Amino acid sequence: MELYHIFKQFPTITTDSRNCPPDSVFFALKGDNFNANAFAAGALEKGCRYAVIDEKEFAADDRYIVVDNVLETLQQLATYHRQQLKTTIVGITGTNGKTTTKELIAAVLSEKFNIHYTQGNLNNHIGVPLTLLQLKPEHEIAIVEMGANHPGEIEFLANIAQPDYGIITNVGKAHLEGFGSFEGVKKTKAELYAYISKNGKNIFLNKGNAFLCQMAANNGFDNPQKDFCYCVSDKNEDCKVTGQIAACSPFLSVLCKVDDSKHFQINTQLIGSYNTENVLAAVTIGNFFGVSESQIIAGLEKYTPKNNRSQLTVTENNRLVVDAYNANPTSMKAAIENFAIMEIPDKLLILGDMLELGNQSAEEHQSIINLLESKNFETVLLVGSEFKSTQNKYKCFDNVNEVKTYLEKNPVKNNIILIKGSRGIKLEQLLPVL
């Protein structure tokens, strides 16, 4: 393959004509509002060695590689590159926690192996190929995250990445507008199990999650091996790894056990009891690949969350539990319930709309209000038109600018504040006034 030969000589790929490292290869992807074929010449001027395009009228010389479809070529090149290497690939998806779990697994495995893993949220039909094309021969294990908001997407991404092992963190009510229903969510996520069943080696399974167990059974994993199973429990008859919450005030500590070994405690820098399952997943995968107990503990305790995902931010005035990267009914309820069990005074919640819920949006937002009232939260600020349309007793704002103005006029001090909402609400803009 001529293109692969070029890629091996110049292995840096860019799809952004504003970011053209020397001797990189530019892939001219098309978007809804742009045609990157028109930017190919500029990319070459800025330092790219070659430009892959699919409109031959833009080809001025032999630095242009004309293909039928740039996106499909990028995906095919990524799969071919993956096939040439001996890297073991663990595919990961799920409604909530997949990015945090991916990073926890990476933190554990990096204690023993040369690893590669998805950066940020490059988990779609472009991000997965770009992740694979960053693989080098020295990488022993790669953790590849796969996201989806429509049926069939996980199957598509699995066929590109061709994972050896798979893990689904959980399934919940997210992107219902695209999936149509919760059943649609489960069916799509289970496409990873289906791929592994036909082409891979095994899945790692949270046996404490009835949905995942049923999805696994439906795809040939009705009697999973103990070495691949974990759950939140004080017993470990069917699971290699079990664990319980040791503390959560505010950082999560997990008391963990592998088979009949003594319990060992992992003191994480994570906020949220809901991260217990994510920690146990990382322990299970680390144990399977031969990472020692001391290495597992070290990897997990060193990991610091970022990108507004369950992280604690201490300001001059308050302590903030920032989880403003995304939100859906499942993750919102988990965050609220975790905040409720924290034995800390002076709590304030700032919650933003959960987007992409389609015709179930009103019902799901009212359900969150009912949960807040059942937990007896008094000080709550709600941001967005969906929350504003609910029946509630709290202060409501149309957008983040309105609540920002309110907080500037009514400063908050000495509180611990949960900030949770969909990325489109942009609650992270409130941090400077808190």
Protein backbone atom coordinates (compact mmCIF):
# COMPACT_ATOMS: atom_id res chain seq x y z
CA MET A 1 0.00 0.00 0.00
CA GLU A 2 1.64 3.20 -1.20
CA LEU A 3 -0.05 5.40 1.40
CA TYR A 4 1.03 3.13 4.25
CA HIS A 5 4.62 3.29 3.01
CA ILE A 6 4.40 7.09 3.12
CA PHE A 7 2.81 6.95 6.59
CA LYS A 8 5.67 4.81 7.93
CA GLN A 9 8.13 7.44 6.71
CA PHE A 10 6.05 10.36 8.00
CA PRO A 11 3.88 8.99 10.85
CA THR A 12 2.43 12.27 12.11
CA ILE A 13 -1.18 12.78 10.96
CA THR A 14 -3.09 16.05 11.07
CA THR A 15 -6.64 16.91 10.05
CA ASP A 16 -6.33 20.57 11.03
CA SER A 17 -4.75 22.91 8.50
CA ARG A 18 -4.00 25.30 11.37
CA ASN A 19 -1.80 22.67 13.02
CA CYS A 20 0.76 21.35 10.56
CA PRO A 21 3.85 19.85 12.21
CA PRO A 22 6.89 19.51 9.92
CA ASP A 23 6.78 16.38 7.75
CA SER A 24 3.24 15.48 8.76
CA VAL A 25 0.52 14.14 6.45
CA PHE A 26 -2.63 16.25 6.12
CA PHE A 27 -5.97 14.48 5.64
CA ALA A 28 -8.49 16.83 4.06
CA LEU A 29 -11.70 15.85 5.84
CA LYS A 30 -15.00 17.43 4.91
CA GLY A 31 -17.42 18.87 7.44
CA ASP A 32 -20.94 20.24 7.29
CA ASN A 33 -19.62 23.75 6.75
CA PHE A 34 -16.19 23.28 5.20
CA ASN A 35 -14.27 21.40 2.53
CA ALA A 36 -10.71 20.82 3.70
CA ASN A 37 -9.59 20.01 0.16
CA ALA A 38 -9.42 23.78 -0.24
CA PHE A 39 -7.00 23.99 2.70
CA ALA A 40 -4.56 21.35 1.44
CA ALA A 41 -2.25 23.81 -0.29
CA GLY A 42 -2.02 25.90 2.87
CA ALA A 43 -1.24 22.81 4.93
CA LEU A 44 1.65 21.95 2.62
CA GLU A 45 2.98 25.49 2.84
CA LYS A 46 2.90 25.29 6.65
CA GLY A 47 5.03 22.14 6.82
CA CYS A 48 3.04 19.07 5.83
CA ARG A 49 4.93 16.68 3.56
CA TYR A 50 1.81 15.28 1.84
CA ALA A 51 -1.88 16.08 1.61
CA VAL A 52 -4.54 13.39 1.16
CA ILE A 53 -7.47 14.80 -0.81
CA ASP A 54 -10.52 13.45 -2.66
CA GLU A 55 -11.11 16.23 -5.21
CA LYS A 56 -8.43 15.97 -7.88
CA GLU A 57 -8.81 19.56 -9.09
CA PHE A 58 -6.94 20.61 -5.93
CA ALA A 59 -3.92 18.44 -6.77
CA ALA A 60 -1.12 20.71 -7.99
CA ASP A 61 1.84 18.32 -7.79
CA ASP A 62 2.95 14.91 -6.48
CA ARG A 63 2.63 15.99 -2.85
CA TYR A 64 -1.12 15.54 -3.22
CA ILE A 65 -2.47 12.00 -2.81
CA VAL A 66 -5.88 11.70 -4.45
CA VAL A 67 -8.24 9.07 -3.01
CA ASP A 68 -11.94 8.30 -3.44
CA ASN A 69 -12.91 9.34 0.09
CA VAL A 70 -10.53 10.91 2.60
CA LEU A 71 -12.42 9.82 5.73
CA GLU A 72 -12.73 6.21 4.59
CA THR A 73 -9.05 6.20 3.64
CA LEU A 74 -8.12 7.47 7.11
CA GLN A 75 -10.18 4.70 8.71
CA GLN A 76 -8.78 1.99 6.43
CA LEU A 77 -5.22 3.17 7.01
CA ALA A 78 -5.78 3.04 10.78
CA THR A 79 -7.10 -0.53 10.67
CA TYR A 80 -4.25 -1.66 8.41
CA HIS A 81 -1.70 -0.07 10.76
CA ARG A 82 -3.36 -1.74 13.76
CA GLN A 83 -3.08 -5.11 11.98
CA GLN A 84 0.65 -4.71 11.41
CA LEU A 85 1.42 -4.35 15.12
CA LYS A 86 1.38 -6.81 18.00
CA THR A 87 -0.25 -4.33 20.36
CA THR A 88 -3.02 -5.82 22.51
CA ILE A 89 -6.07 -3.58 22.27
CA VAL A 90 -8.70 -3.14 24.98
CA GLY A 91 -11.85 -1.47 23.64
CA ILE A 92 -13.96 0.51 26.09
CA THR A 93 -17.40 2.07 25.85
CA GLY A 94 -20.30 2.89 28.18
CA THR A 95 -22.82 5.59 28.94
CA ASN A 96 -20.94 7.06 31.90
CA GLY A 97 -17.42 6.79 33.19
CA LYS A 98 -15.75 5.44 30.07
CA THR A 99 -13.19 8.25 29.87
CA THR A 100 -12.37 8.11 33.58
CA THR A 101 -12.19 4.30 33.49
CA LYS A 102 -9.98 4.42 30.40
CA GLU A 103 -7.58 6.73 32.22
CA LEU A 104 -7.63 4.61 35.39
CA ILE A 105 -6.83 1.48 33.35
CA ALA A 106 -4.04 3.40 31.63
CA ALA A 107 -2.68 4.57 35.00
CA VAL A 108 -2.54 0.97 36.23
CA LEU A 109 -1.14 -0.66 33.09
CA SER A 110 1.51 2.04 32.62
CA GLU A 111 3.10 0.86 35.87
CA LYS A 112 4.28 -2.24 34.01
CA PHE A 113 3.80 -1.78 30.25
CA ASN A 114 4.51 0.66 27.46
CA ILE A 115 0.95 1.72 26.69
CA HIS A 116 -1.05 4.04 24.50
CA TYR A 117 -4.59 5.25 25.12
CA THR A 118 -7.21 7.57 23.68
CA GLN A 119 -6.43 11.19 24.48
CA GLY A 120 -9.28 13.41 25.60
CA ASN A 121 -12.51 12.35 23.94
CA LEU A 122 -11.14 11.27 20.53
CA ASN A 123 -13.61 8.41 20.56
CA ASN A 124 -15.62 8.79 17.34
CA HIS A 125 -15.28 7.82 13.67
CA ILE A 126 -12.38 10.27 13.32
CA GLY A 127 -10.87 10.07 16.81
CA VAL A 128 -10.56 6.27 16.90
CA PRO A 129 -8.54 6.14 13.63
CA LEU A 130 -6.32 8.99 14.83
CA THR A 131 -5.71 7.12 18.10
CA LEU A 132 -4.75 3.95 16.23
CA LEU A 133 -2.42 5.84 13.90
CA GLN A 134 -0.47 7.04 16.95
CA LEU A 135 0.42 3.44 17.83
CA LYS A 136 4.10 2.54 17.67
CA PRO A 137 5.73 -0.93 17.59
CA GLU A 138 6.90 -0.49 21.18
CA HIS A 139 3.35 -0.08 22.51
CA GLU A 140 2.39 -3.32 24.26
CA ILE A 141 -1.20 -2.46 25.20
CA ALA A 142 -3.60 0.22 23.95
CA ILE A 143 -6.88 1.31 25.53
CA VAL A 144 -9.20 2.61 22.82
CA GLU A 145 -12.33 4.50 23.85
CA MET A 146 -15.42 4.27 21.65
CA GLY A 147 -18.34 6.68 21.90
CA ALA A 148 -21.72 6.59 20.21
CA ASN A 149 -24.94 8.55 19.97
CA HIS A 150 -26.64 6.50 17.23
CA PRO A 151 -27.26 2.77 16.64
CA GLY A 152 -24.50 0.92 14.81
CA GLU A 153 -21.67 3.26 15.80
CA ILE A 154 -19.95 0.90 18.25
CA GLU A 155 -20.02 -1.92 15.70
CA PHE A 156 -18.47 0.45 13.15
CA LEU A 157 -15.72 1.59 15.53
CA ALA A 158 -15.00 -1.95 16.72
CA ASN A 159 -14.43 -3.02 13.13
CA ILE A 160 -11.90 -0.22 12.77
CA ALA A 161 -10.05 -0.80 16.06
CA GLN A 162 -10.43 -4.61 16.14
CA PRO A 163 -10.06 -4.91 19.95
CA ASP A 164 -8.84 -8.11 21.59
CA TYR A 165 -10.69 -7.39 24.82
CA GLY A 166 -13.69 -5.21 25.64
CA ILE A 167 -15.31 -3.53 28.60
CA ILE A 168 -18.59 -1.63 28.91
CA THR A 169 -18.59 0.54 32.02
CA ASN A 170 -22.38 0.79 32.27
CA VAL A 171 -25.50 1.69 30.32
CA GLY A 172 -27.82 4.57 31.08
CA LYS A 173 -30.17 7.16 29.64
CA ALA A 174 -28.04 9.34 27.39
CA HIS A 175 -28.38 10.56 23.79
CA LEU A 176 -31.95 9.26 23.80
CA GLU A 177 -32.67 11.61 20.92
CA GLY A 178 -30.28 9.56 18.76
CA PHE A 179 -30.84 6.09 20.23
CA GLY A 180 -34.62 6.41 20.46
CA SER A 181 -34.88 4.62 23.80
CA PHE A 182 -32.92 3.02 26.62
CA GLU A 183 -33.23 -0.28 24.74
CA GLY A 184 -31.50 1.42 21.84
CA VAL A 185 -28.66 2.45 24.15
CA LYS A 186 -28.20 -1.13 25.40
CA LYS A 187 -28.32 -2.62 21.93
CA THR A 188 -25.71 -0.20 20.61
CA LYS A 189 -23.29 -0.57 23.52
CA ALA A 190 -23.63 -4.37 23.31
CA GLU A 191 -22.18 -4.20 19.81
CA LEU A 192 -18.77 -4.25 21.52
CA TYR A 193 -19.63 -7.56 23.23
CA ALA A 194 -20.85 -8.90 19.89
CA TYR A 195 -17.60 -7.99 18.16
CA ILE A 196 -15.45 -9.57 20.90
CA SER A 197 -17.60 -12.69 20.87
CA LYS A 198 -16.99 -13.19 17.15
CA ASN A 199 -13.47 -11.84 16.75
CA GLY A 200 -11.75 -11.19 20.07
CA LYS A 201 -10.69 -12.96 23.23
CA ASN A 202 -12.85 -11.90 26.17
CA ILE A 203 -14.77 -9.15 27.93
CA PHE A 204 -14.31 -7.66 31.39
CA LEU A 205 -17.69 -7.66 33.12
CA ASN A 206 -19.22 -5.85 36.08
CA LYS A 207 -21.31 -8.72 37.48
CA GLY A 208 -23.09 -6.32 39.79
CA ASN A 209 -24.81 -4.72 36.81
CA ALA A 210 -27.83 -6.76 35.69
CA PHE A 211 -28.10 -4.93 32.35
CA LEU A 212 -24.49 -5.70 31.44
CA CYS A 213 -24.82 -9.34 32.51
CA GLN A 214 -27.88 -9.79 30.29
CA MET A 215 -26.19 -8.02 27.39
CA ALA A 216 -23.15 -10.26 27.83
CA ALA A 217 -25.28 -13.41 27.95
CA ASN A 218 -27.09 -12.34 24.78
CA ASN A 219 -23.74 -12.20 23.03
CA GLY A 220 -22.20 -15.50 24.05
CA PHE A 221 -20.81 -14.58 27.47
CA ASP A 222 -23.46 -16.29 29.61
CA ASN A 223 -20.86 -17.95 31.86
CA PRO A 224 -17.92 -15.53 31.98
CA GLN A 225 -14.65 -16.66 33.50
CA LYS A 226 -14.06 -15.42 37.04
CA ASP A 227 -10.75 -13.76 36.10
CA PHE A 228 -12.64 -11.22 33.98
CA CYS A 229 -15.35 -10.30 36.51
CA TYR A 230 -15.66 -7.67 39.23
CA CYS A 231 -18.39 -6.11 41.35
CA VAL A 232 -19.07 -3.87 44.32
CA SER A 233 -19.56 -6.46 47.06
CA ASP A 234 -18.02 -7.95 50.20
CA LYS A 235 -18.06 -11.42 48.60
CA ASN A 236 -16.11 -12.70 45.64
CA GLU A 237 -17.58 -16.08 44.74
CA ASP A 238 -18.10 -15.22 41.06
CA CYS A 239 -15.70 -12.29 40.73
CA LYS A 240 -11.94 -12.04 40.70
CA VAL A 241 -12.11 -8.55 42.17
CA THR A 242 -14.56 -7.15 44.70
CA GLY A 243 -14.57 -3.90 46.59
CA GLN A 244 -16.46 -1.53 48.82
CA ILE A 245 -16.39 2.17 49.58
CA ALA A 246 -14.10 2.86 52.53
CA ALA A 247 -14.57 6.62 52.50
CA CYS A 248 -16.03 9.36 50.34
CA SER A 249 -15.47 12.69 52.03
CA PRO A 250 -14.88 14.04 49.53
CA PHE A 251 -12.21 11.80 47.95
CA LEU A 252 -13.07 8.18 47.24
CA SER A 253 -11.23 5.39 49.04
CA VAL A 254 -11.96 1.80 48.02
CA LEU A 255 -11.35 -1.33 50.07
CA CYS A 256 -10.47 -3.94 47.49
CA LYS A 257 -9.90 -7.69 47.39
CA VAL A 258 -8.52 -10.02 44.72
CA ASP A 259 -9.62 -13.65 45.19
CA ASP A 260 -8.80 -14.68 48.75
CA SER A 261 -6.04 -12.14 49.30
CA LYS A 262 -6.13 -9.66 52.14
CA HIS A 263 -8.06 -6.46 51.59
CA PHE A 264 -6.03 -3.52 50.40
CA GLN A 265 -7.13 0.11 50.38
CA ILE A 266 -6.84 2.48 47.43
CA ASN A 267 -7.03 6.17 48.31
CA THR A 268 -7.94 7.90 45.05
CA GLN A 269 -8.09 11.56 44.08
CA LEU A 270 -11.54 10.98 42.57
CA ILE A 271 -14.79 12.53 43.71
CA GLY A 272 -17.87 10.34 43.72
CA SER A 273 -18.93 6.98 45.09
CA TYR A 274 -20.03 6.10 41.55
CA ASN A 275 -16.35 5.82 40.63
CA THR A 276 -16.00 2.68 42.76
CA GLU A 277 -16.93 0.46 39.83
CA ASN A 278 -14.45 2.30 37.61
CA VAL A 279 -11.67 1.68 40.11
CA LEU A 280 -12.55 -2.01 40.35
CA ALA A 281 -12.53 -2.30 36.56
CA ALA A 282 -9.00 -0.92 36.48
CA VAL A 283 -7.92 -3.29 39.26
CA THR A 284 -9.39 -6.27 37.39
CA ILE A 285 -7.72 -5.43 34.10
CA GLY A 286 -4.43 -4.67 35.80
CA ASN A 287 -4.56 -7.97 37.68
CA PHE A 288 -5.37 -9.89 34.50
CA PHE A 289 -2.32 -8.46 32.76
CA GLY A 290 -0.06 -9.27 35.68
CA VAL A 291 0.33 -5.86 37.30
CA SER A 292 1.24 -6.33 40.97
CA GLU A 293 -0.94 -5.15 43.84
CA SER A 294 1.57 -2.45 44.82
CA GLN A 295 1.75 -1.22 41.21
CA ILE A 296 -2.06 -1.13 40.93
CA ILE A 297 -2.33 0.93 44.12
CA ALA A 298 0.44 3.29 43.00
CA GLY A 299 -1.10 3.85 39.58
CA LEU A 300 -4.57 4.57 40.92
CA GLU A 301 -3.45 6.80 43.76
CA LYS A 302 -1.30 8.94 41.46
CA TYR A 303 -4.11 9.53 38.95
CA THR A 304 -5.60 13.03 39.05
CA PRO A 305 -8.86 13.70 37.16
CA LYS A 306 -8.97 16.56 34.70
CA ASN A 307 -11.18 18.20 32.05
CA ASN A 308 -13.95 18.97 34.57
CA ARG A 309 -14.63 15.30 35.28
CA SER A 310 -15.36 14.57 38.94
CA GLN A 311 -12.53 16.77 40.11
CA LEU A 312 -12.18 18.86 43.24
CA THR A 313 -11.19 22.47 42.65
CA VAL A 314 -10.29 24.61 45.65
CA THR A 315 -10.73 28.36 45.14
CA GLU A 316 -10.14 31.29 47.45
CA ASN A 317 -13.77 31.14 48.53
CA ASN A 318 -15.13 27.60 48.05
CA ARG A 319 -14.50 23.98 47.26
CA LEU A 320 -15.96 22.93 43.93
CA VAL A 321 -16.91 19.44 42.79
CA VAL A 322 -16.69 20.11 39.06
CA ASP A 323 -18.44 17.63 36.78
CA ALA A 324 -19.40 19.97 33.96
CA TYR A 325 -18.07 17.89 31.09
CA ASN A 326 -21.35 16.14 30.39
CA ALA A 327 -24.61 15.06 31.94
CA ASN A 328 -27.45 12.60 31.44
CA PRO A 329 -30.14 11.30 33.81
CA THR A 330 -28.00 8.40 35.04
CA SER A 331 -24.87 10.41 35.76
CA MET A 332 -26.83 13.35 37.18
CA LYS A 333 -28.64 11.12 39.67
CA ALA A 334 -25.37 9.43 40.68
CA ALA A 335 -23.69 12.79 41.26
CA ILE A 336 -26.60 14.10 43.36
CA GLU A 337 -26.83 10.94 45.44
CA ASN A 338 -23.09 10.99 46.05
CA PHE A 339 -23.24 14.67 47.06
CA ALA A 340 -26.07 13.86 49.45
CA ILE A 341 -24.04 11.24 51.37
CA MET A 342 -21.05 13.54 51.85
CA GLU A 343 -20.95 14.48 55.51
CA ILE A 344 -20.05 18.08 54.82
CA PRO A 345 -21.98 21.26 55.72
CA ASP A 346 -22.85 24.24 53.49
CA LYS A 347 -23.69 22.42 50.27
CA LEU A 348 -24.75 24.21 47.11
CA LEU A 349 -25.74 22.59 43.81
CA ILE A 350 -25.52 24.32 40.43
CA LEU A 351 -27.12 22.05 37.85
CA GLY A 352 -27.45 22.60 34.10
CA ASP A 353 -29.82 21.06 31.58
CA MET A 354 -29.24 17.53 30.31
CA LEU A 355 -29.25 17.77 26.53
CA GLU A 356 -30.18 15.34 23.73
CA LEU A 357 -32.99 13.59 25.62
CA GLY A 358 -35.63 14.06 22.94
CA ASN A 359 -39.25 13.64 23.95
CA GLN A 360 -38.22 12.20 27.35
CA SER A 361 -36.49 15.42 28.38
CA ALA A 362 -39.31 16.96 30.43
CA GLU A 363 -39.92 13.74 32.37
CA GLU A 364 -36.21 13.18 33.09
CA HIS A 365 -35.64 16.76 34.27
CA GLN A 366 -38.66 16.58 36.59
CA SER A 367 -37.28 13.30 37.96
CA ILE A 368 -34.09 15.14 38.92
CA ILE A 369 -36.13 17.81 40.71
CA ASN A 370 -37.98 15.10 42.64
CA LEU A 371 -34.66 13.56 43.67
CA LEU A 372 -33.32 16.91 44.88
CA GLU A 373 -36.42 17.41 47.00
CA SER A 374 -36.22 13.89 48.43
CA LYS A 375 -32.64 14.59 49.53
CA ASN A 376 -33.79 17.81 51.22
CA PHE A 377 -31.39 20.05 49.33
CA GLU A 378 -32.26 23.68 50.00
CA THR A 379 -29.72 25.69 48.02
CA VAL A 380 -29.93 24.78 44.35
CA LEU A 381 -29.40 26.89 41.24
CA LEU A 382 -30.84 25.49 38.00
CA VAL A 383 -29.56 26.59 34.60
CA GLY A 384 -31.34 26.09 31.27
CA SER A 385 -34.79 26.07 29.72
CA GLU A 386 -35.51 22.41 30.50
CA PHE A 387 -34.99 22.80 34.25
CA LYS A 388 -36.82 26.12 34.16
CA SER A 389 -39.88 24.33 32.74
CA THR A 390 -40.10 21.90 35.67
CA GLN A 391 -42.17 22.28 38.80
CA ASN A 392 -39.60 23.23 41.42
CA LYS A 393 -38.90 25.53 44.36
CA TYR A 394 -35.38 26.52 43.34
CA LYS A 395 -33.82 29.55 41.63
CA CYS A 396 -33.83 29.11 37.85
CA PHE A 397 -31.82 30.84 35.14
CA ASP A 398 -32.09 30.74 31.36
CA ASN A 399 -28.36 30.45 30.76
CA VAL A 400 -24.93 30.52 32.33
CA ASN A 401 -24.56 34.29 31.88
CA GLU A 402 -27.64 34.92 34.01
CA VAL A 403 -26.43 32.76 36.88
CA LYS A 404 -22.95 34.28 36.58
CA THR A 405 -24.44 37.75 37.04
CA TYR A 406 -26.45 36.50 40.01
CA LEU A 407 -23.35 35.04 41.68
CA GLU A 408 -21.40 38.25 41.12
CA LYS A 409 -24.14 40.17 42.95
CA ASN A 410 -24.63 37.44 45.59
CA PRO A 411 -21.15 36.02 46.30
CA VAL A 412 -20.92 32.52 47.70
CA LYS A 413 -18.28 31.72 50.32
CA ASN A 414 -17.23 28.72 52.40
CA ASN A 415 -19.45 26.30 50.50
CA ILE A 416 -18.82 22.99 48.84
CA ILE A 417 -20.49 23.27 45.44
CA LEU A 418 -21.52 20.54 43.00
CA ILE A 419 -21.38 21.81 39.41
CA LYS A 420 -22.99 19.37 36.99
CA GLY A 421 -24.52 19.82 33.55
CA SER A 422 -24.22 19.04 29.86
CA ARG A 423 -21.24 20.53 28.10
CA GLY A 424 -23.48 22.75 25.98
CA ILE A 425 -24.61 24.65 29.11
CA LYS A 426 -20.98 25.74 29.74
CA LEU A 427 -21.13 25.71 33.54
CA GLU A 428 -17.32 25.75 33.67
CA GLN A 429 -17.63 29.49 32.95
CA LEU A 430 -18.82 29.92 36.54
CA LEU A 431 -15.51 28.88 38.08
CA PRO A 432 -13.99 32.42 38.12
CA VAL A 433 -16.89 33.79 40.22
CA LEU A 434 -16.87 30.92 42.71
